[in-house]
């Protein structure tokens, strides 16, 4: 099967979005502050990247409350897991050509 640079998913490929997807592929769900800490991201930067992944239907963002404090959790959706697997496969194909 031919693999080219055009098969790299641009939604996932950015450093921050790739970090989010890697973390969620391992954990399925994470809260916003956990992602912010692990990825060393600012609140605004992380929000922008999560919105992009949500628009692609790769993640679902759930906003609830823990007592009186807001809690935002991010869930990896099946479409996101499939897209991430395809992304990893495309990278492996590119690396196999070197």
C-alpha atoms as a PDB file:
ATOM      1  CA  UNK A   1       0.000   0.000   0.000  1.00  0.00           C
ATOM      2  CA  UNK A   2       1.385   3.395  -0.983  1.00  0.00           C
ATOM      3  CA  UNK A   3       1.790   5.897   1.805  1.00  0.00           C
ATOM      4  CA  UNK A   4       2.458   9.545   1.140  1.00  0.00           C
ATOM      5  CA  UNK A   5       2.666  12.776   3.080  1.00  0.00           C
ATOM      6  CA  UNK A   6      -0.856  13.606   1.844  1.00  0.00           C
ATOM      7  CA  UNK A   7      -2.244  10.848   4.073  1.00  0.00           C
ATOM      8  CA  UNK A   8      -1.163  12.656   7.240  1.00  0.00           C
ATOM      9  CA  UNK A   9      -4.255  13.960   9.068  1.00  0.00           C
ATOM     10  CA  UNK A  10      -3.746  17.723   9.450  1.00  0.00           C
ATOM     11  CA  UNK A  11      -6.245  17.872  12.323  1.00  0.00           C
ATOM     12  CA  UNK A  12      -4.039  15.585  14.417  1.00  0.00           C
ATOM     13  CA  UNK A  13      -0.612  16.603  13.116  1.00  0.00           C
ATOM     14  CA  UNK A  14      -0.028  19.754  15.196  1.00  0.00           C
ATOM     15  CA  UNK A  15       2.137  19.274  18.306  1.00  0.00           C
ATOM     16  CA  UNK A  16      -0.588  20.093  20.813  1.00  0.00           C
ATOM     17  CA  UNK A  17      -3.346  18.111  19.091  1.00  0.00           C
ATOM     18  CA  UNK A  18      -1.016  15.156  18.636  1.00  0.00           C
ATOM     19  CA  UNK A  19      -0.212  15.287  22.359  1.00  0.00           C
ATOM     20  CA  UNK A  20      -3.918  15.319  23.201  1.00  0.00           C
ATOM     21  CA  UNK A  21      -4.595  12.352  20.942  1.00  0.00           C
ATOM     22  CA  UNK A  22      -1.644  10.346  22.288  1.00  0.00           C
ATOM     23  CA  UNK A  23      -2.783  10.957  25.864  1.00  0.00           C
ATOM     24  CA  UNK A  24      -6.400  10.076  25.129  1.00  0.00           C
ATOM     25  CA  UNK A  25      -5.460   6.992  23.099  1.00  0.00           C
ATOM     26  CA  UNK A  26      -3.794   5.699  26.264  1.00  0.00           C
ATOM     27  CA  UNK A  27      -6.413   6.909  28.776  1.00  0.00           C
ATOM     28  CA  UNK A  28      -9.713   7.298  26.818  1.00  0.00           C
ATOM     29  CA  UNK A  29     -10.745  10.255  29.016  1.00  0.00           C
ATOM     30  CA  UNK A  30      -8.973  13.122  30.780  1.00  0.00           C
ATOM     31  CA  UNK A  31     -10.038  16.232  32.588  1.00  0.00           C
ATOM     32  CA  UNK A  32      -9.073  19.612  31.193  1.00  0.00           C
ATOM     33  CA  UNK A  33      -6.647  20.497  33.996  1.00  0.00           C
ATOM     34  CA  UNK A  34      -4.930  17.119  33.672  1.00  0.00           C
ATOM     35  CA  UNK A  35      -4.341  17.729  29.954  1.00  0.00           C
ATOM     36  CA  UNK A  36      -3.202  21.284  30.638  1.00  0.00           C
ATOM     37  CA  UNK A  37      -0.631  20.018  33.151  1.00  0.00           C
ATOM     38  CA  UNK A  38       0.616  17.042  31.118  1.00  0.00           C
ATOM     39  CA  UNK A  39       0.928  19.032  27.886  1.00  0.00           C
ATOM     40  CA  UNK A  40       2.264  22.178  29.610  1.00  0.00           C
ATOM     41  CA  UNK A  41      -0.392  24.210  27.807  1.00  0.00           C
ATOM     42  CA  UNK A  42      -2.153  27.429  28.626  1.00  0.00           C
ATOM     43  CA  UNK A  43      -5.900  27.308  29.125  1.00  0.00           C
ATOM     44  CA  UNK A  44      -6.587  29.297  25.955  1.00  0.00           C
ATOM     45  CA  UNK A  45      -4.214  27.292  23.776  1.00  0.00           C
ATOM     46  CA  UNK A  46      -5.588  23.960  24.968  1.00  0.00           C
ATOM     47  CA  UNK A  47      -9.178  25.154  24.456  1.00  0.00           C
ATOM     48  CA  UNK A  48      -8.488  26.093  20.837  1.00  0.00           C
ATOM     49  CA  UNK A  49      -6.942  22.717  20.028  1.00  0.00           C
ATOM     50  CA  UNK A  50      -9.687  20.786  21.799  1.00  0.00           C
ATOM     51  CA  UNK A  51     -12.299  22.715  19.825  1.00  0.00           C
ATOM     52  CA  UNK A  52     -10.560  21.738  16.566  1.00  0.00           C
ATOM     53  CA  UNK A  53     -10.593  18.053  17.588  1.00  0.00           C
ATOM     54  CA  UNK A  54     -14.220  18.354  18.681  1.00  0.00           C
ATOM     55  CA  UNK A  55     -15.219  19.906  15.323  1.00  0.00           C
ATOM     56  CA  UNK A  56     -13.635  16.888  13.598  1.00  0.00           C
ATOM     57  CA  UNK A  57     -15.685  14.655  15.938  1.00  0.00           C
ATOM     58  CA  UNK A  58     -12.532  13.053  17.297  1.00  0.00           C
ATOM     59  CA  UNK A  59     -13.275  14.031  20.902  1.00  0.00           C
ATOM     60  CA  UNK A  60     -16.309  14.906  22.986  1.00  0.00           C
ATOM     61  CA  UNK A  61     -16.095  17.636  25.601  1.00  0.00           C
ATOM     62  CA  UNK A  62     -18.334  17.182  28.625  1.00  0.00           C
ATOM     63  CA  UNK A  63     -18.856  20.045  31.059  1.00  0.00           C
ATOM     64  CA  UNK A  64     -20.234  19.160  34.485  1.00  0.00           C
ATOM     65  CA  UNK A  65     -19.793  20.215  38.089  1.00  0.00           C
ATOM     66  CA  UNK A  66     -17.978  18.640  41.019  1.00  0.00           C
ATOM     67  CA  UNK A  67     -19.751  20.356  43.881  1.00  0.00           C
ATOM     68  CA  UNK A  68     -19.706  24.020  42.896  1.00  0.00           C
ATOM     69  CA  UNK A  69     -16.590  23.737  40.783  1.00  0.00           C
ATOM     70  CA  UNK A  70     -16.785  23.290  37.017  1.00  0.00           C
ATOM     71  CA  UNK A  71     -15.309  20.094  35.598  1.00  0.00           C
ATOM     72  CA  UNK A  72     -14.475  19.661  31.920  1.00  0.00           C
ATOM     73  CA  UNK A  73     -13.712  16.149  30.716  1.00  0.00           C
ATOM     74  CA  UNK A  74     -12.510  15.151  27.257  1.00  0.00           C
ATOM     75  CA  UNK A  75     -13.449  11.753  25.826  1.00  0.00           C
ATOM     76  CA  UNK A  76     -11.846  10.107  22.799  1.00  0.00           C
ATOM     77  CA  UNK A  77     -14.584   9.081  20.352  1.00  0.00           C
ATOM     78  CA  UNK A  78     -14.432   5.974  18.127  1.00  0.00           C
ATOM     79  CA  UNK A  79     -13.915   8.196  15.059  1.00  0.00           C
ATOM     80  CA  UNK A  80     -10.951   9.828  16.847  1.00  0.00           C
ATOM     81  CA  UNK A  81      -9.432   6.473  17.788  1.00  0.00           C
ATOM     82  CA  UNK A  82      -9.742   5.306  14.169  1.00  0.00           C
ATOM     83  CA  UNK A  83      -8.237   8.570  12.841  1.00  0.00           C
ATOM     84  CA  UNK A  84      -5.349   8.325  15.303  1.00  0.00           C
ATOM     85  CA  UNK A  85      -4.629   4.718  14.287  1.00  0.00           C
ATOM     86  CA  UNK A  86      -4.619   5.781  10.620  1.00  0.00           C
ATOM     87  CA  UNK A  87      -2.311   8.699  11.471  1.00  0.00           C
ATOM     88  CA  UNK A  88       0.174   6.378  13.213  1.00  0.00           C
ATOM     89  CA  UNK A  89       0.007   3.949  10.295  1.00  0.00           C
ATOM     90  CA  UNK A  90       0.650   6.753   7.777  1.00  0.00           C
ATOM     91  CA  UNK A  91       3.679   7.928   9.775  1.00  0.00           C
ATOM     92  CA  UNK A  92       4.999   4.394  10.002  1.00  0.00           C
ATOM     93  CA  UNK A  93       4.609   4.070   6.225  1.00  0.00           C
ATOM     94  CA  UNK A  94       6.564   7.269   5.658  1.00  0.00           C
ATOM     95  CA  UNK A  95       9.316   6.200   8.039  1.00  0.00           C
ATOM     96  CA  UNK A  96       9.514   2.798   6.372  1.00  0.00           C
ATOM     97  CA  UNK A  97      10.477   4.525   3.106  1.00  0.00           C
ATOM     98  CA  UNK A  98      13.669   6.062   4.495  1.00  0.00           C
END
